[in-house]
Amino acid sequence: MRYFLLLPVIFCLALAVSLSLQSHAMSESVSKSDLKAGITTLNSSQFREAYAILSELAKSGDPEGQYYLGRLFESATYQVLNDPDFYDKHGWTCGKNKYSTNSFGNDSCMQDAAYWYEKSAEGGYVAAQEKIASLYSMGLGVHQDRAKGYHWYKLAAKQGSPISIMVLGLAYLNGDYAQKDVILAKSTIERAIAAGAKEGNYWLGYIYEKGIGVESNLEKAFDLYLLCTKETDSMLAPYRLGKMYESGKGVKKNLVEAVKWYEVARRYGMQTKQTGMLDLREKMNNRDWVLAIENAEKWLRENK
């Protein structure tokens, strides 16, 4: 008999739970809808609208909303450089988390960006963990604290972030942040490559070229540099190819090929003087020099 008496209570509890779940689902749906709208308006430079949406999401504790609000503030750092009236036009300003000067990278907008990136990172959002790690490492928007940067890179790496795994590998390789361990560096860099950090092929090539923790293997280093050059816009990988051709280490010495790869490195962003091209120009006739530049252009057309 007592079971029948409990039925109304059980029914009411079930109804309450059902309504709660429906309310939560509706709230989550609205949140995701708002987030999508916030991201869309941010990407289309509708900063007033983006701020209105993302600030509400961020204040409600939504980690993804906090991350994109951080991006909005970071974007403002660059916008103000080109448009002093930016704030008046878009109806909001930065400055709630200011600690130092108005120098670029430490202005009030960048500090607000760092504040929200860290909030998002604390909520477990991996992109924010990567971002705040880099800001602490460089001292942008926050007081430089490389130990904190390393802390956030480690957390992001645990979630499978290829960039963060790569940073850990370089930390082990160079003894930055962490104790130097070249064996662990190599395995961590290989893990980063497997996770999608294709730039890691340059560092793996460098390990094999220099024989860091492994027997030197110049042929393998060459192949890894070439792979990195094909798959990324790394200026270091083609530069190392040029050095190998110039010195004749790992490949047959060929100044035309050396200049070709130096030119690719230059196209990827390396300063001409840094490449060493000008020194080789004096050692080559005009025909070979022109051929080297043409070969670089041809390679870029066919591979990029």
Protein backbone atom coordinates (compact mmCIF):
# COMPACT_ATOMS: atom_id res chain seq x y z
CA MET A 1 0.00 0.00 0.00
CA ARG A 2 2.80 2.41 0.90
CA TYR A 3 4.23 2.03 -2.62
CA PHE A 4 0.99 3.45 -4.07
CA LEU A 5 1.21 6.36 -1.65
CA LEU A 6 4.71 7.13 -2.95
CA LEU A 7 3.64 7.16 -6.61
CA PRO A 8 2.57 10.85 -6.65
CA VAL A 9 5.88 11.83 -5.05
CA ILE A 10 7.85 9.77 -7.57
CA PHE A 11 5.81 11.25 -10.41
CA CYS A 12 6.47 14.81 -9.22
CA LEU A 13 10.18 14.12 -8.87
CA ALA A 14 10.32 12.61 -12.36
CA LEU A 15 8.45 15.59 -13.79
CA ALA A 16 10.80 18.02 -12.06
CA VAL A 17 13.85 16.19 -13.40
CA SER A 18 12.35 16.09 -16.89
CA LEU A 19 11.59 19.81 -16.85
CA SER A 20 15.07 20.52 -15.52
CA LEU A 21 16.67 18.50 -18.31
CA GLN A 22 14.50 20.23 -20.92
CA SER A 23 15.42 23.61 -19.49
CA HIS A 24 19.12 22.69 -19.52
CA ALA A 25 18.87 21.46 -23.11
CA MET A 26 17.11 24.67 -24.17
CA SER A 27 19.71 26.75 -22.33
CA GLU A 28 22.55 24.81 -23.97
CA SER A 29 20.89 25.20 -27.36
CA VAL A 30 20.54 28.95 -26.87
CA SER A 31 24.14 29.14 -25.64
CA LYS A 32 25.47 27.34 -28.72
CA SER A 33 23.28 29.47 -30.96
CA ASP A 34 24.57 32.63 -29.29
CA LEU A 35 28.14 31.40 -29.51
CA LYS A 36 27.79 30.77 -33.23
CA ALA A 37 26.35 34.25 -33.70
CA GLY A 38 29.15 35.75 -31.62
CA ILE A 39 31.84 34.01 -33.65
CA THR A 40 30.18 35.00 -36.93
CA THR A 41 29.95 38.66 -35.97
CA LEU A 42 33.55 38.64 -34.70
CA ASN A 43 34.86 37.09 -37.92
CA SER A 44 32.97 39.67 -39.97
CA SER A 45 34.37 42.56 -37.86
CA GLN A 46 30.98 43.47 -36.37
CA PHE A 47 32.69 44.28 -33.10
CA ARG A 48 29.77 45.97 -31.31
CA GLU A 49 27.48 43.00 -31.91
CA ALA A 50 30.22 40.47 -31.12
CA TYR A 51 30.99 42.18 -27.81
CA ALA A 52 27.33 42.20 -26.76
CA ILE A 53 26.98 38.47 -27.37
CA LEU A 54 30.36 37.19 -26.25
CA SER A 55 30.58 39.27 -23.08
CA GLU A 56 27.31 37.76 -21.84
CA LEU A 57 28.49 34.24 -22.61
CA ALA A 58 31.85 34.87 -20.97
CA LYS A 59 30.31 36.29 -17.81
CA SER A 60 28.01 33.27 -17.58
CA GLY A 61 31.11 31.06 -17.33
CA ASP A 62 31.08 29.56 -20.83
CA PRO A 63 34.75 28.63 -21.58
CA GLU A 64 34.35 28.86 -25.35
CA GLY A 65 32.61 32.21 -25.05
CA GLN A 66 35.44 33.40 -22.79
CA TYR A 67 38.00 32.31 -25.38
CA TYR A 68 36.30 34.21 -28.19
CA LEU A 69 35.86 37.29 -26.02
CA GLY A 70 39.60 37.09 -25.48
CA ARG A 71 40.05 36.98 -29.24
CA LEU A 72 37.81 40.03 -29.57
CA PHE A 73 39.94 42.01 -27.12
CA GLU A 74 43.14 40.83 -28.81
CA SER A 75 41.74 41.94 -32.16
CA ALA A 76 41.02 45.38 -30.67
CA THR A 77 44.73 45.74 -29.86
CA TYR A 78 45.44 45.76 -33.60
CA GLN A 79 42.31 47.69 -34.60
CA VAL A 80 43.16 50.66 -32.38
CA LEU A 81 46.55 51.01 -34.08
CA ASN A 82 44.79 51.75 -37.38
CA ASP A 83 41.71 53.51 -36.03
CA PRO A 84 42.00 55.71 -32.91
CA ASP A 85 38.18 56.13 -32.88
CA PHE A 86 37.63 52.37 -32.76
CA TYR A 87 36.02 52.37 -29.29
CA ASP A 88 33.64 55.24 -30.05
CA LYS A 89 32.47 53.47 -33.19
CA HIS A 90 31.82 50.15 -31.51
CA GLY A 91 30.49 51.23 -28.13
CA TRP A 92 32.89 49.56 -25.71
CA THR A 93 36.38 49.89 -24.38
CA CYS A 94 39.13 47.92 -22.70
CA GLY A 95 40.97 48.57 -19.48
CA LYS A 96 39.40 46.54 -16.69
CA ASN A 97 42.54 44.50 -16.10
CA LYS A 98 45.29 47.03 -16.73
CA TYR A 99 48.63 46.65 -14.97
CA SER A 100 51.32 48.51 -16.88
CA THR A 101 52.09 50.78 -19.82
CA ASN A 102 50.23 51.27 -23.07
CA SER A 103 53.06 49.77 -25.12
CA PHE A 104 51.90 47.44 -27.88
CA GLY A 105 51.27 43.94 -26.56
CA ASN A 106 50.72 45.24 -23.05
CA ASP A 107 47.93 47.69 -23.68
CA SER A 108 44.66 47.38 -21.81
CA CYS A 109 42.95 45.39 -24.58
CA MET A 110 45.68 42.76 -24.62
CA GLN A 111 45.48 42.52 -20.86
CA ASP A 112 41.71 41.99 -21.05
CA ALA A 113 42.33 39.37 -23.74
CA ALA A 114 44.78 37.55 -21.47
CA TYR A 115 42.30 37.72 -18.58
CA TRP A 116 39.58 35.97 -20.57
CA TYR A 117 41.96 33.50 -22.20
CA GLU A 118 43.07 32.41 -18.74
CA LYS A 119 39.48 32.12 -17.51
CA SER A 120 38.71 29.93 -20.51
CA ALA A 121 41.88 27.89 -19.97
CA GLU A 122 40.85 27.25 -16.37
CA GLY A 123 37.60 25.88 -17.79
CA GLY A 124 39.61 23.35 -19.82
CA TYR A 125 39.31 24.93 -23.28
CA VAL A 126 42.43 23.73 -25.06
CA ALA A 127 42.76 26.60 -27.56
CA ALA A 128 42.74 29.03 -24.64
CA GLN A 129 45.36 26.96 -22.82
CA GLU A 130 47.61 27.20 -25.87
CA LYS A 131 47.01 30.93 -26.14
CA ILE A 132 47.58 31.89 -22.50
CA ALA A 133 50.68 29.67 -22.49
CA SER A 134 52.16 31.69 -25.35
CA LEU A 135 51.20 35.00 -23.72
CA TYR A 136 52.89 34.08 -20.44
CA SER A 137 55.94 32.86 -22.34
CA MET A 138 56.27 36.14 -24.26
CA GLY A 139 54.96 38.53 -21.62
CA LEU A 140 52.07 39.83 -23.75
CA GLY A 141 49.09 41.09 -21.78
CA VAL A 142 50.55 39.57 -18.61
CA HIS A 143 53.80 39.79 -16.70
CA GLN A 144 56.18 37.34 -18.34
CA ASP A 145 56.21 34.06 -16.44
CA ARG A 146 57.71 31.20 -18.43
CA ALA A 147 56.93 28.71 -15.66
CA LYS A 148 53.22 29.54 -16.00
CA GLY A 149 53.54 29.28 -19.76
CA TYR A 150 55.03 25.82 -19.39
CA HIS A 151 52.23 24.87 -16.98
CA TRP A 152 49.56 25.73 -19.53
CA TYR A 153 51.43 24.06 -22.39
CA LYS A 154 51.58 20.86 -20.32
CA LEU A 155 47.82 20.94 -19.68
CA ALA A 156 47.08 21.57 -23.36
CA ALA A 157 49.48 18.78 -24.35
CA LYS A 158 47.58 16.37 -22.10
CA GLN A 159 44.49 17.15 -24.18
CA GLY A 160 46.39 16.28 -27.37
CA SER A 161 47.28 19.78 -28.61
CA PRO A 162 49.92 19.23 -31.35
CA ILE A 163 51.40 22.71 -30.86
CA SER A 164 51.74 22.23 -27.11
CA ILE A 165 53.29 18.78 -27.48
CA MET A 166 55.76 20.34 -29.91
CA VAL A 167 56.63 23.09 -27.43
CA LEU A 168 57.27 20.49 -24.73
CA GLY A 169 59.57 18.61 -27.11
CA LEU A 170 61.58 21.78 -27.75
CA ALA A 171 61.66 22.50 -24.02
CA TYR A 172 63.26 19.10 -23.42
CA LEU A 173 65.61 19.64 -26.37
CA ASN A 174 66.89 23.04 -25.25
CA GLY A 175 66.47 22.78 -21.49
CA ASP A 176 63.90 25.59 -21.47
CA TYR A 177 61.15 25.35 -18.84
CA ALA A 178 62.12 21.72 -18.20
CA GLN A 179 65.27 19.73 -17.52
CA LYS A 180 67.15 18.97 -20.73
CA ASP A 181 66.49 15.43 -21.96
CA VAL A 182 67.34 14.82 -25.63
CA ILE A 183 65.88 11.30 -25.68
CA LEU A 184 62.56 12.53 -24.31
CA ALA A 185 62.76 15.50 -26.68
CA LYS A 186 62.98 13.25 -29.73
CA SER A 187 60.08 11.02 -28.67
CA THR A 188 57.95 14.04 -27.76
CA ILE A 189 58.64 15.74 -31.10
CA GLU A 190 57.73 12.50 -32.89
CA ARG A 191 54.49 12.43 -30.88
CA ALA A 192 53.78 16.02 -31.91
CA ILE A 193 54.31 15.15 -35.58
CA ALA A 194 51.94 12.19 -35.25
CA ALA A 195 49.36 14.53 -33.70
CA GLY A 196 49.62 16.90 -36.68
CA ALA A 197 52.47 19.33 -35.92
CA LYS A 198 54.19 18.98 -39.29
CA GLU A 199 56.75 21.66 -38.37
CA GLY A 200 58.21 19.03 -36.06
CA ASN A 201 59.87 17.39 -39.06
CA TYR A 202 62.31 20.29 -39.15
CA TRP A 203 63.36 19.70 -35.54
CA LEU A 204 63.54 15.95 -36.03
CA GLY A 205 65.75 16.59 -39.06
CA TYR A 206 67.92 18.89 -36.98
CA ILE A 207 68.31 16.18 -34.33
CA TYR A 208 69.48 13.71 -36.99
CA GLU A 209 71.75 16.24 -38.70
CA LYS A 210 73.51 17.21 -35.49
CA GLY A 211 73.39 13.74 -33.92
CA ILE A 212 71.58 14.94 -30.79
CA GLY A 213 70.90 11.83 -28.73
CA VAL A 214 71.09 9.69 -31.87
CA GLU A 215 73.73 8.74 -34.40
CA SER A 216 74.08 11.46 -37.01
CA ASN A 217 72.18 10.60 -40.19
CA LEU A 218 72.51 13.34 -42.81
CA GLU A 219 70.44 11.55 -45.44
CA LYS A 220 67.53 11.20 -43.03
CA ALA A 221 67.95 14.82 -41.98
CA PHE A 222 67.79 15.91 -45.62
CA ASP A 223 64.60 13.91 -46.22
CA LEU A 224 62.95 15.40 -43.13
CA TYR A 225 63.92 18.95 -44.10
CA LEU A 226 62.50 18.40 -47.57
CA LEU A 227 59.27 16.94 -46.15
CA CYS A 228 58.89 19.91 -43.82
CA THR A 229 59.48 22.34 -46.68
CA LYS A 230 56.76 20.66 -48.74
CA GLU A 231 54.20 20.43 -45.94
CA THR A 232 54.72 23.77 -44.16
CA ASP A 233 55.88 27.32 -44.72
CA SER A 234 58.89 26.86 -42.45
CA MET A 235 61.76 29.08 -43.57
CA LEU A 236 64.24 27.09 -41.48
CA ALA A 237 63.80 23.78 -43.33
CA PRO A 238 64.69 25.09 -46.83
CA TYR A 239 67.50 27.08 -45.25
CA ARG A 240 69.01 23.87 -43.86
CA LEU A 241 68.65 22.25 -47.30
CA GLY A 242 70.58 25.17 -48.76
CA LYS A 243 73.32 24.79 -46.14
CA MET A 244 73.66 21.09 -46.92
CA TYR A 245 74.01 21.75 -50.65
CA GLU A 246 76.45 24.59 -50.03
CA SER A 247 78.67 22.50 -47.75
CA GLY A 248 78.21 19.17 -49.54
CA LYS A 249 77.24 17.45 -46.28
CA GLY A 250 74.69 14.69 -46.83
CA VAL A 251 74.36 15.57 -50.53
CA LYS A 252 76.68 16.39 -53.39
CA LYS A 253 77.83 20.01 -53.25
CA ASN A 254 75.78 22.13 -55.65
CA LEU A 255 75.67 25.92 -55.40
CA VAL A 256 72.74 26.21 -57.81
CA GLU A 257 70.68 23.96 -55.55
CA ALA A 258 71.93 25.83 -52.49
CA VAL A 259 70.72 29.17 -53.86
CA LYS A 260 67.45 27.56 -54.95
CA TRP A 261 66.65 26.53 -51.37
CA TYR A 262 67.90 29.80 -49.91
CA GLU A 263 65.51 31.56 -52.27
CA VAL A 264 62.64 29.35 -51.06
CA ALA A 265 63.59 30.25 -47.48
CA ARG A 266 63.58 33.91 -48.47
CA ARG A 267 60.11 33.56 -50.02
CA TYR A 268 58.95 32.00 -46.74
CA GLY A 269 60.11 35.04 -44.78
CA MET A 270 63.84 34.79 -44.08
CA GLN A 271 65.86 37.95 -44.66
CA THR A 272 68.10 37.78 -47.74
CA LYS A 273 71.16 38.57 -45.66
CA GLN A 274 70.36 35.73 -43.25
CA THR A 275 70.22 33.17 -46.04
CA GLY A 276 73.80 33.78 -47.14
CA MET A 277 72.68 34.13 -50.75
CA LEU A 278 74.65 37.30 -51.30
CA ASP A 279 77.92 35.57 -50.43
CA LEU A 280 77.24 32.88 -53.04
CA ARG A 281 76.28 35.47 -55.65
CA GLU A 282 79.93 36.48 -55.89
CA LYS A 283 80.99 32.87 -56.51
CA MET A 284 78.51 32.12 -59.31
CA ASN A 285 78.15 33.26 -62.89
CA ASN A 286 74.97 35.08 -63.87
CA ARG A 287 73.51 32.12 -65.79
CA ASP A 288 73.72 29.78 -62.78
CA TRP A 289 72.32 32.43 -60.48
CA VAL A 290 69.29 33.04 -62.71
CA LEU A 291 68.81 29.28 -63.07
CA ALA A 292 68.78 28.86 -59.29
CA ILE A 293 66.10 31.53 -58.84
CA GLU A 294 64.02 30.04 -61.67
CA ASN A 295 64.32 26.58 -60.11
CA ALA A 296 63.06 27.98 -56.80
CA GLU A 297 60.08 29.58 -58.51
CA LYS A 298 59.32 26.36 -60.36
CA TRP A 299 59.50 24.30 -57.19
CA LEU A 300 57.14 26.67 -55.40
CA ARG A 301 54.64 26.56 -58.28
CA GLU A 302 54.65 22.77 -58.32
CA ASN A 303 54.59 22.18 -54.58
CA LYS A 304 52.58 25.05 -53.10
